[in-house]
């Protein structure tokens, strides 16, 4: 369970980062 959670957390972080970058780009534009 711990291993799976770690993997999901990493993916979530990556996804969140992508979303944040996308939003920032939209605001700048």
PDB file of N, CA and C in Angstrom:
ATOM      1  N   UNK A   1       0.848  -1.198   0.000  1.00  0.00           N
ATOM      2  CA  UNK A   1       0.000   0.000   0.000  1.00  0.00           C
ATOM      3  C   UNK A   1       0.898   1.269   0.000  1.00  0.00           C
ATOM      4  N   UNK A   2       1.897   1.258   0.808  1.00  0.00           N
ATOM      5  CA  UNK A   2       2.788   2.444   0.887  1.00  0.00           C
ATOM      6  C   UNK A   2       3.411   2.713  -0.489  1.00  0.00           C
ATOM      7  N   UNK A   3       3.842   1.654  -1.143  1.00  0.00           N
ATOM      8  CA  UNK A   3       4.492   1.841  -2.464  1.00  0.00           C
ATOM      9  C   UNK A   3       3.479   2.436  -3.457  1.00  0.00           C
ATOM     10  N   UNK A   4       2.297   1.934  -3.445  1.00  0.00           N
ATOM     11  CA  UNK A   4       1.275   2.447  -4.396  1.00  0.00           C
ATOM     12  C   UNK A   4       0.969   3.919  -4.076  1.00  0.00           C
ATOM     13  N   UNK A   5       0.856   4.199  -2.807  1.00  0.00           N
ATOM     14  CA  UNK A   5       0.535   5.583  -2.419  1.00  0.00           C
ATOM     15  C   UNK A   5       1.639   6.526  -2.917  1.00  0.00           C
ATOM     16  N   UNK A   6       2.864   6.106  -2.751  1.00  0.00           N
ATOM     17  CA  UNK A   6       3.996   6.948  -3.175  1.00  0.00           C
ATOM     18  C   UNK A   6       3.870   7.233  -4.679  1.00  0.00           C
ATOM     19  N   UNK A   7       3.565   6.213  -5.414  1.00  0.00           N
ATOM     20  CA  UNK A   7       3.480   6.392  -6.895  1.00  0.00           C
ATOM     21  C   UNK A   7       2.308   7.357  -7.204  1.00  0.00           C
ATOM     22  N   UNK A   8       1.216   7.180  -6.562  1.00  0.00           N
ATOM     23  CA  UNK A   8       0.066   8.051  -6.860  1.00  0.00           C
ATOM     24  C   UNK A   8       0.405   9.494  -6.462  1.00  0.00           C
ATOM     25  N   UNK A   9       1.080   9.625  -5.368  1.00  0.00           N
ATOM     26  CA  UNK A   9       1.419  10.986  -4.880  1.00  0.00           C
ATOM     27  C   UNK A   9       2.323  11.675  -5.936  1.00  0.00           C
ATOM     28  N   UNK A  10       3.253  10.929  -6.448  1.00  0.00           N
ATOM     29  CA  UNK A  10       4.180  11.512  -7.440  1.00  0.00           C
ATOM     30  C   UNK A  10       3.383  11.957  -8.679  1.00  0.00           C
ATOM     31  N   UNK A  11       2.477  11.113  -9.106  1.00  0.00           N
ATOM     32  CA  UNK A  11       1.690  11.464 -10.304  1.00  0.00           C
ATOM     33  C   UNK A  11       0.810  12.684 -10.009  1.00  0.00           C
ATOM     34  N   UNK A  12       0.238  12.704  -8.838  1.00  0.00           N
ATOM     35  CA  UNK A  12      -0.638  13.827  -8.487  1.00  0.00           C
ATOM     36  C   UNK A  12       0.179  15.137  -8.483  1.00  0.00           C
ATOM     37  N   UNK A  13       1.375  15.057  -7.917  1.00  0.00           N
ATOM     38  CA  UNK A  13       2.230  16.256  -7.855  1.00  0.00           C
ATOM     39  C   UNK A  13       2.532  16.731  -9.287  1.00  0.00           C
ATOM     40  N   UNK A  14       2.869  15.793 -10.142  1.00  0.00           N
ATOM     41  CA  UNK A  14       3.204  16.151 -11.526  1.00  0.00           C
ATOM     42  C   UNK A  14       1.969  16.798 -12.190  1.00  0.00           C
ATOM     43  N   UNK A  15       0.831  16.194 -11.968  1.00  0.00           N
ATOM     44  CA  UNK A  15      -0.409  16.698 -12.591  1.00  0.00           C
ATOM     45  C   UNK A  15      -0.703  18.117 -12.075  1.00  0.00           C
ATOM     46  N   UNK A  16      -0.588  18.278 -10.776  1.00  0.00           N
ATOM     47  CA  UNK A  16      -0.862  19.587 -10.151  1.00  0.00           C
ATOM     48  C   UNK A  16       0.101  20.624 -10.748  1.00  0.00           C
ATOM     49  N   UNK A  17       1.354  20.265 -10.818  1.00  0.00           N
ATOM     50  CA  UNK A  17       2.349  21.203 -11.352  1.00  0.00           C
ATOM     51  C   UNK A  17       1.957  21.598 -12.779  1.00  0.00           C
ATOM     52  N   UNK A  18       1.561  20.637 -13.550  1.00  0.00           N
ATOM     53  CA  UNK A  18       1.189  20.920 -14.950  1.00  0.00           C
ATOM     54  C   UNK A  18      -0.003  21.894 -14.974  1.00  0.00           C
ATOM     55  N   UNK A  19      -0.966  21.617 -14.143  1.00  0.00           N
ATOM     56  CA  UNK A  19      -2.170  22.464 -14.114  1.00  0.00           C
ATOM     57  C   UNK A  19      -1.771  23.891 -13.711  1.00  0.00           C
ATOM     58  N   UNK A  20      -0.931  23.984 -12.726  1.00  0.00           N
ATOM     59  CA  UNK A  20      -0.532  25.316 -12.220  1.00  0.00           C
ATOM     60  C   UNK A  20       0.208  26.070 -13.352  1.00  0.00           C
ATOM     61  N   UNK A  21       1.077  25.378 -14.035  1.00  0.00           N
ATOM     62  CA  UNK A  21       1.831  26.030 -15.120  1.00  0.00           C
ATOM     63  C   UNK A  21       0.839  26.491 -16.204  1.00  0.00           C
ATOM     64  N   UNK A  22      -0.093  25.649 -16.505  1.00  0.00           N
ATOM     65  CA  UNK A  22      -1.073  25.976 -17.560  1.00  0.00           C
ATOM     66  C   UNK A  22      -1.867  27.231 -17.135  1.00  0.00           C
ATOM     67  N   UNK A  23      -2.281  27.256 -15.889  1.00  0.00           N
ATOM     68  CA  UNK A  23      -3.060  28.414 -15.401  1.00  0.00           C
ATOM     69  C   UNK A  23      -2.198  29.680 -15.449  1.00  0.00           C
ATOM     70  N   UNK A  24      -0.960  29.534 -15.025  1.00  0.00           N
ATOM     71  CA  UNK A  24      -0.069  30.709 -15.029  1.00  0.00           C
ATOM     72  C   UNK A  24       0.063  31.243 -16.462  1.00  0.00           C
ATOM     73  N   UNK A  25       0.241  30.334 -17.377  1.00  0.00           N
ATOM     74  CA  UNK A  25       0.406  30.743 -18.780  1.00  0.00           C
ATOM     75  C   UNK A  25      -0.861  31.480 -19.251  1.00  0.00           C
ATOM     76  N   UNK A  26      -1.983  30.948 -18.868  1.00  0.00           N
ATOM     77  CA  UNK A  26      -3.254  31.550 -19.312  1.00  0.00           C
ATOM     78  C   UNK A  26      -3.360  32.972 -18.711  1.00  0.00           C
ATOM     79  N   UNK A  27      -3.015  33.105 -17.457  1.00  0.00           N
ATOM     80  CA  UNK A  27      -3.121  34.426 -16.808  1.00  0.00           C
ATOM     81  C   UNK A  27      -2.153  35.417 -17.460  1.00  0.00           C
ATOM     82  N   UNK A  28      -0.967  34.945 -17.761  1.00  0.00           N
ATOM     83  CA  UNK A  28       0.033  35.852 -18.375  1.00  0.00           C
ATOM     84  C   UNK A  28      -0.459  36.281 -19.759  1.00  0.00           C
ATOM     85  N   UNK A  29      -1.042  35.318 -20.460  1.00  0.00           N
ATOM     86  CA  UNK A  29      -1.520  35.633 -21.825  1.00  0.00           C
ATOM     87  C   UNK A  29      -2.744  36.531 -21.682  1.00  0.00           C
TER      88      UNK A  29
END
